[in-house]
Protein backbone atom coordinates (compact mmCIF):
# COMPACT_ATOMS: atom_id res chain seq x y z
CA MET A 1 -149.09 -87.02 206.37
CA THR A 2 -147.68 -88.71 203.53
CA PHE A 3 -145.05 -91.49 203.71
CA LYS A 4 -142.47 -89.23 202.18
CA SER A 5 -143.13 -86.44 204.56
CA TRP A 6 -143.24 -88.58 207.55
CA GLY A 7 -139.81 -90.10 206.51
CA ALA A 8 -138.43 -86.68 205.99
CA ALA A 9 -139.81 -85.70 209.61
CA CYS A 10 -138.14 -88.75 211.07
CA LEU A 11 -134.80 -88.00 209.44
CA LEU A 12 -135.01 -84.46 210.56
CA GLY A 13 -135.90 -85.52 214.06
CA LEU A 14 -132.59 -87.56 214.11
CA SER A 15 -130.47 -84.52 214.88
CA LEU A 16 -133.02 -83.73 217.71
CA THR A 17 -133.24 -87.23 219.34
CA ALA A 18 -129.68 -88.75 218.62
CA SER A 19 -128.25 -86.84 221.57
CA ALA A 20 -130.73 -88.42 223.95
CA GLN A 21 -129.57 -91.65 222.82
CA PRO A 22 -125.90 -91.81 223.79
CA ASN A 23 -125.43 -95.44 223.57
CA ILE A 24 -126.82 -95.62 219.98
CA ASN A 25 -124.59 -95.18 216.96
CA THR A 26 -126.70 -93.29 214.44
CA ASP A 27 -123.93 -92.55 211.93
CA PRO A 28 -125.02 -94.58 208.83
CA LEU A 29 -121.38 -94.94 207.50
CA ASP A 30 -120.24 -96.27 210.90
CA TRP A 31 -123.19 -98.36 212.02
CA LYS A 32 -123.04 -102.09 212.24
CA GLU A 33 -125.90 -104.35 213.62
CA GLY A 34 -124.94 -106.19 216.78
CA GLU A 35 -125.70 -109.90 217.32
CA VAL A 36 -129.26 -110.73 217.18
CA PRO A 37 -130.63 -112.43 220.01
CA ALA A 38 -132.86 -115.43 219.70
CA PRO A 39 -136.65 -114.88 219.37
CA PRO A 40 -138.19 -114.48 222.75
CA ALA A 41 -141.27 -116.52 223.85
CA PHE A 42 -144.58 -114.75 223.38
CA ASP A 43 -148.05 -115.01 224.37
CA THR A 44 -150.86 -114.52 222.06
CA ARG A 45 -153.30 -113.54 224.94
CA LYS A 46 -151.28 -110.35 225.83
CA LEU A 47 -151.06 -108.87 222.24
CA LEU A 48 -151.44 -105.06 221.66
CA THR A 49 -153.49 -105.27 218.54
CA PHE A 50 -154.07 -103.02 215.52
CA GLU A 51 -155.42 -103.05 212.04
CA VAL A 52 -153.68 -101.84 208.92
CA THR A 53 -155.58 -100.06 206.13
CA GLY A 54 -155.85 -102.19 203.05
CA SER A 55 -155.31 -105.44 204.97
CA SER A 56 -157.79 -108.05 206.08
CA LEU A 57 -155.38 -109.16 208.92
CA VAL A 58 -155.25 -107.94 212.47
CA PHE A 59 -151.70 -107.48 213.75
CA GLY A 60 -150.43 -107.65 217.39
CA VAL A 61 -147.16 -107.42 219.39
CA ASP A 62 -146.49 -108.93 222.74
CA PRO A 63 -145.29 -106.10 224.80
CA ALA A 64 -143.12 -108.70 226.74
CA THR A 65 -141.09 -109.44 223.51
CA LEU A 66 -140.14 -105.70 222.91
CA ARG A 67 -136.34 -104.91 223.22
CA ILE A 68 -134.30 -102.06 222.39
CA SER A 69 -130.57 -103.14 221.67
CA ASP A 70 -127.36 -101.08 221.87
CA ASP A 71 -127.33 -100.80 218.26
CA GLY A 72 -130.56 -98.93 218.02
CA ILE A 73 -132.69 -101.82 216.83
CA VAL A 74 -136.32 -102.24 218.32
CA ARG A 75 -136.89 -106.04 218.13
CA TYR A 76 -140.17 -107.78 218.86
CA VAL A 77 -142.60 -110.57 217.96
CA MET A 78 -145.32 -109.69 215.52
CA VAL A 79 -148.50 -111.88 214.99
CA ALA A 80 -150.74 -111.47 211.95
CA SER A 81 -154.16 -113.19 212.44
CA SER A 82 -156.77 -113.69 209.86
CA ALA A 83 -160.54 -113.75 210.38
CA SER A 84 -160.46 -117.67 210.09
CA GLY A 85 -157.88 -117.83 213.00
CA ALA A 86 -154.90 -118.43 211.00
CA ARG A 87 -151.81 -116.92 212.30
CA ASN A 88 -148.42 -115.86 211.01
CA VAL A 89 -145.71 -115.04 213.51
CA PHE A 90 -142.39 -113.19 212.86
CA TYR A 91 -139.44 -111.97 214.80
CA GLU A 92 -138.60 -108.63 213.42
CA GLY A 93 -136.41 -105.64 213.80
CA LEU A 94 -136.93 -101.84 213.35
CA ARG A 95 -134.33 -99.50 212.61
CA CYS A 96 -135.82 -96.29 213.41
CA VAL A 97 -132.93 -94.00 212.29
CA SER A 98 -133.30 -95.33 208.67
CA GLY A 99 -136.96 -96.32 208.61
CA GLU A 100 -136.30 -99.93 207.87
CA LEU A 101 -137.48 -103.40 208.77
CA LYS A 102 -135.79 -106.67 208.98
CA THR A 103 -137.67 -110.09 209.41
CA TYR A 104 -135.13 -112.39 211.36
CA ALA A 105 -137.42 -115.66 211.81
CA ARG A 106 -140.79 -117.08 211.28
CA TYR A 107 -142.72 -119.20 213.70
CA THR A 108 -144.16 -122.49 212.36
CA PRO A 109 -147.49 -124.07 213.11
CA GLU A 110 -145.35 -126.87 214.87
CA GLY A 111 -144.09 -124.40 217.42
CA ALA A 112 -140.72 -123.74 216.26
CA TRP A 113 -138.76 -120.64 215.00
CA VAL A 114 -137.01 -120.91 211.67
CA LYS A 115 -134.46 -118.24 210.80
CA VAL A 116 -134.73 -116.34 207.54
CA ASN A 117 -132.04 -116.94 205.21
CA GLU A 118 -130.01 -113.82 204.73
CA PRO A 119 -132.54 -111.38 206.18
CA GLN A 120 -132.48 -108.00 204.57
CA TRP A 121 -133.33 -104.53 205.55
CA ARG A 122 -136.50 -103.16 203.74
CA SER A 123 -137.90 -99.67 203.65
CA LEU A 124 -140.94 -98.94 205.76
CA PHE A 125 -142.03 -96.64 203.18
CA GLY A 126 -144.18 -97.38 200.11
CA ASN A 127 -143.84 -101.14 200.61
CA PRO A 128 -147.11 -103.00 201.36
CA ALA A 129 -145.32 -105.73 203.07
CA THR A 130 -143.96 -103.42 205.72
CA ARG A 131 -147.08 -101.30 206.55
CA HIS A 132 -147.68 -103.19 209.79
CA ALA A 133 -144.21 -102.13 211.07
CA LEU A 134 -144.73 -98.57 209.87
CA GLN A 135 -147.84 -98.14 211.81
CA LEU A 136 -146.04 -99.84 214.86
CA ALA A 137 -143.22 -97.38 214.57
CA ARG A 138 -145.59 -94.54 214.27
CA ALA A 139 -147.44 -95.65 217.34
CA GLY A 140 -144.59 -95.45 219.61
CA ALA A 141 -141.97 -98.02 218.72
CA CYS A 142 -139.83 -95.24 217.25
CA ASN A 143 -139.69 -91.91 218.57
CA ASN A 144 -139.22 -89.68 215.44
CA SER A 145 -136.00 -91.38 214.06
CA ALA A 146 -134.71 -93.07 217.25
CA PRO A 147 -136.12 -95.80 219.49
CA PRO A 148 -137.82 -94.57 222.76
CA THR A 149 -135.55 -94.11 225.76
CA SER A 150 -136.95 -97.33 227.46
CA VAL A 151 -139.26 -100.39 226.76
CA GLU A 152 -141.40 -99.12 229.35
CA GLU A 153 -141.90 -95.77 227.57
CA MET A 154 -142.48 -97.67 224.33
CA VAL A 155 -145.25 -99.84 225.76
CA ARG A 156 -146.90 -96.74 227.26
CA LEU A 157 -146.74 -94.86 223.81
CA LEU A 158 -148.15 -98.03 222.19
CA LYS A 159 -151.05 -98.40 224.46
CA THR A 160 -151.86 -94.60 224.43
CA GLN A 161 -151.46 -94.05 220.66
CA GLY A 162 -153.87 -96.55 219.12
CA LEU A 163 -152.73 -100.17 219.98
CA ARG A 164 -155.01 -102.07 222.20
CA PRO A 165 -155.03 -105.45 224.33
């Protein structure tokens, strides 16, 4: 399935999944992002990991950091590790209804979060910098164009659809 056809399927799925998400406003004209919580603590020993085609990095998400907010955003801590052991850690949000990603903060080697100045939503489709988030969305962080009904369901989907500890 191509990125475009997957995106179209997600948008088509919106009408089928929006009714299952009564607390989430899916109207793109009326939607407003809620207050973003502080980045949660994470544990690199508990990552559900995956590889992204065309990247030498291994990506992982700590399932304990997954959150679904009332505004419909799936937020999490993503770790990108190189073969040499170098790590980049990001606090990100997925907006399933529009197929977009936002990076809120980066974790420094000194152990502190640094907020991104004026974070922007970026498309998951056709953007090499968002391929990891697209794979995460496909593996269970998004249910068509909506978040799963619970974090527990999301973790179950991630574990059964290709992400591994």
